[in-house]
Structure formats: C-alpha cells, structure tokens
Amino acid sequence: VGIADKKFLSSMKKVRVLKSSYCLKSLIR
C-alpha cells in the first residue's frame, strides 16, 4: 500500500463519517 493509497483510504473514511453524521442529523430533523 502506497502513501497515496493511505491518503485515499483516510479521505474515504472521512467522507463516510461525514455522510453518516449528515444522515443522522437529517433523521433527527
């Protein structure tokens, strides 16, 4: 696994967290 791959994976994880938190917020509303 290269550095670029690690950065990509970490960014994907961040996006997933953002999406899940956004979905939770919309559900609460």
Protein backbone atom coordinates (compact mmCIF):
# COMPACT_ATOMS: atom_id res chain seq x y z
CA VAL A 1 0.00 0.00 0.00
CA GLY A 2 1.47 3.34 -1.07
CA ILE A 3 1.23 6.71 0.64
CA ALA A 4 -1.31 7.88 -1.95
CA ASP A 5 -3.47 4.83 -1.21
CA LYS A 6 -3.34 5.54 2.52
CA LYS A 7 -4.36 9.16 1.94
CA PHE A 8 -7.19 7.98 -0.32
CA LEU A 9 -8.41 5.48 2.28
CA SER A 10 -8.31 8.06 5.07
CA SER A 11 -10.21 10.55 2.92
CA MET A 12 -12.83 7.90 2.12
CA LYS A 13 -13.23 7.20 5.83
CA LYS A 14 -13.70 10.92 6.50
CA VAL A 15 -16.32 11.13 3.74
CA ARG A 16 -18.12 8.12 5.21
CA VAL A 17 -18.17 9.70 8.67
CA LEU A 18 -19.43 12.99 7.23
CA LYS A 19 -22.18 11.22 5.27
CA SER A 20 -23.28 9.15 8.28
CA SER A 21 -23.36 12.22 10.55
CA TYR A 22 -25.30 14.15 7.89
CA CYS A 23 -27.82 11.30 7.60
CA LEU A 24 -28.21 11.19 11.38
CA LYS A 25 -28.81 14.95 11.52
CA SER A 26 -31.44 14.73 8.77
CA LEU A 27 -33.12 11.85 10.62
CA ILE A 28 -33.22 13.84 13.86
CA ARG A 29 -34.94 16.68 12.00
